[in-house]
């Protein structure tokens, strides 16, 4: 079975950067759409960024554009999320997710994703 494990979260100050990692096992996901979602305390899970079969195909939430960058290392079966200029609004549990079926383009639809990691906490102090 597919397992996704996130890492890289932590406590930072506003304006700082973090790089999250998501390592997959149980299945090679180099051609699968993968994404990052986050869930602030007391709020619903929301889309952050996604990447498609081609690493050039990416999708970002409006709040992520210009500050976050998603990338993948196919050989390592790993997806990354580089987060710069972090703000307090970026705080929450960040989840890595993967779509089981093969799609060409990344998606921001939560229901499309089949596999989820356990999450990694990001806390940004203002």
Protein backbone atom coordinates (compact mmCIF):
# COMPACT_ATOMS: atom_id res chain seq x y z
CA UNK A 1 0.00 0.00 0.00
CA UNK A 2 1.13 3.54 -0.70
CA UNK A 3 2.64 5.41 2.21
CA UNK A 4 3.37 9.13 2.25
CA UNK A 5 5.54 10.63 4.96
CA UNK A 6 5.96 14.38 5.36
CA UNK A 7 8.83 16.09 7.12
CA UNK A 8 10.38 19.52 7.46
CA UNK A 9 7.77 21.35 9.48
CA UNK A 10 8.62 23.47 12.47
CA UNK A 11 8.34 26.79 14.23
CA UNK A 12 9.51 29.88 12.39
CA UNK A 13 9.04 33.63 12.45
CA UNK A 14 7.16 35.63 9.86
CA UNK A 15 9.30 36.17 6.78
CA UNK A 16 11.28 32.96 7.25
CA UNK A 17 11.37 29.94 4.96
CA UNK A 18 10.72 26.23 5.27
CA UNK A 19 11.13 23.30 2.91
CA UNK A 20 8.73 20.43 3.34
CA UNK A 21 9.42 16.95 1.98
CA UNK A 22 7.07 14.10 1.15
CA UNK A 23 8.61 10.69 0.63
CA UNK A 24 6.47 8.01 -0.98
CA UNK A 25 6.83 4.27 -0.63
CA UNK A 26 4.90 1.21 -1.74
CA UNK A 27 4.45 2.53 -5.26
CA UNK A 28 6.41 4.64 -7.70
CA UNK A 29 4.50 7.90 -8.11
CA UNK A 30 6.70 9.67 -10.62
CA UNK A 31 3.80 10.05 -13.07
CA UNK A 32 1.06 10.73 -10.54
CA UNK A 33 -0.40 14.08 -9.63
CA UNK A 34 0.75 15.02 -6.16
CA UNK A 35 -0.23 17.92 -4.01
CA UNK A 36 0.07 19.74 -0.75
CA UNK A 37 -2.87 20.73 1.42
CA UNK A 38 -2.95 22.44 4.77
CA UNK A 39 -5.40 22.61 7.63
CA UNK A 40 -5.22 25.60 9.96
CA UNK A 41 -6.46 25.03 13.49
CA UNK A 42 -10.23 25.08 13.53
CA UNK A 43 -10.56 25.35 9.76
CA UNK A 44 -11.16 23.07 6.79
CA UNK A 45 -8.36 21.52 4.82
CA UNK A 46 -7.37 23.74 1.91
CA UNK A 47 -5.36 23.39 -1.27
CA UNK A 48 -1.84 24.75 -1.38
CA UNK A 49 -0.05 23.45 -4.48
CA UNK A 50 0.07 20.50 -6.87
CA UNK A 51 2.39 19.08 -9.50
CA UNK A 52 1.65 16.89 -12.52
CA UNK A 53 3.35 14.21 -14.59
CA UNK A 54 5.60 16.84 -16.04
CA UNK A 55 7.38 18.87 -13.41
CA UNK A 56 6.65 21.94 -15.50
CA UNK A 57 2.95 21.53 -14.81
CA UNK A 58 2.18 23.08 -11.46
CA UNK A 59 -0.85 24.62 -9.80
CA UNK A 60 -0.96 26.97 -6.84
CA UNK A 61 -3.59 28.40 -4.59
CA UNK A 62 -3.86 32.16 -4.91
CA UNK A 63 -2.42 32.56 -1.43
CA UNK A 64 0.61 30.48 -2.42
CA UNK A 65 1.53 32.15 -5.69
CA UNK A 66 4.83 33.96 -5.67
CA UNK A 67 5.86 32.57 -2.30
CA UNK A 68 5.62 28.78 -2.53
CA UNK A 69 7.19 26.41 -5.02
CA UNK A 70 6.39 22.73 -5.51
CA UNK A 71 8.87 20.34 -7.09
CA UNK A 72 9.56 16.64 -7.35
CA UNK A 73 12.48 14.26 -7.55
CA UNK A 74 11.27 11.24 -9.49
CA UNK A 75 14.35 9.15 -8.70
CA UNK A 76 13.81 9.66 -4.98
CA UNK A 77 10.01 9.34 -5.21
CA UNK A 78 9.80 12.57 -3.26
CA UNK A 79 7.87 15.82 -3.56
CA UNK A 80 8.93 19.10 -2.00
CA UNK A 81 7.27 22.34 -1.03
CA UNK A 82 9.53 25.34 -0.68
CA UNK A 83 7.82 28.03 1.35
CA UNK A 84 9.25 31.54 1.48
CA UNK A 85 8.05 34.73 3.13
CA UNK A 86 5.94 32.75 5.55
CA UNK A 87 3.11 34.54 7.31
CA UNK A 88 1.04 33.64 10.33
CA UNK A 89 -1.81 32.73 7.98
CA UNK A 90 0.35 29.90 6.63
CA UNK A 91 0.29 28.09 9.95
CA UNK A 92 -1.33 24.69 10.11
CA UNK A 93 -0.81 21.00 9.51
CA UNK A 94 0.51 20.39 6.01
CA UNK A 95 -0.50 17.18 4.26
CA UNK A 96 1.03 15.52 1.25
CA UNK A 97 -1.38 13.75 -1.08
CA UNK A 98 -1.28 11.68 -4.26
CA UNK A 99 -3.78 10.77 -6.96
CA UNK A 100 -3.90 7.03 -7.60
CA UNK A 101 -4.97 7.20 -11.23
CA UNK A 102 -2.87 8.82 -13.91
CA UNK A 103 -3.87 12.33 -14.91
CA UNK A 104 -2.08 14.81 -17.08
CA UNK A 105 -2.71 18.00 -15.15
CA UNK A 106 -2.46 18.87 -11.47
CA UNK A 107 -5.65 19.47 -9.52
CA UNK A 108 -6.83 21.51 -6.56
CA UNK A 109 -9.77 19.19 -5.88
CA UNK A 110 -9.33 17.51 -2.52
CA UNK A 111 -11.66 14.65 -3.43
CA UNK A 112 -9.46 13.61 -6.33
CA UNK A 113 -6.59 12.57 -4.09
CA UNK A 114 -6.46 8.97 -2.90
CA UNK A 115 -3.42 8.79 -0.64
CA UNK A 116 -2.54 11.05 2.25
CA UNK A 117 0.34 11.47 4.64
CA UNK A 118 0.03 11.99 8.37
CA UNK A 119 0.87 15.68 8.16
CA UNK A 120 3.64 17.91 9.44
CA UNK A 121 3.07 20.94 11.65
CA UNK A 122 4.02 24.42 10.51
CA UNK A 123 3.78 27.28 12.98
CA UNK A 124 4.61 30.85 12.00
CA UNK A 125 4.84 33.46 14.72
CA UNK A 126 4.04 37.05 13.88
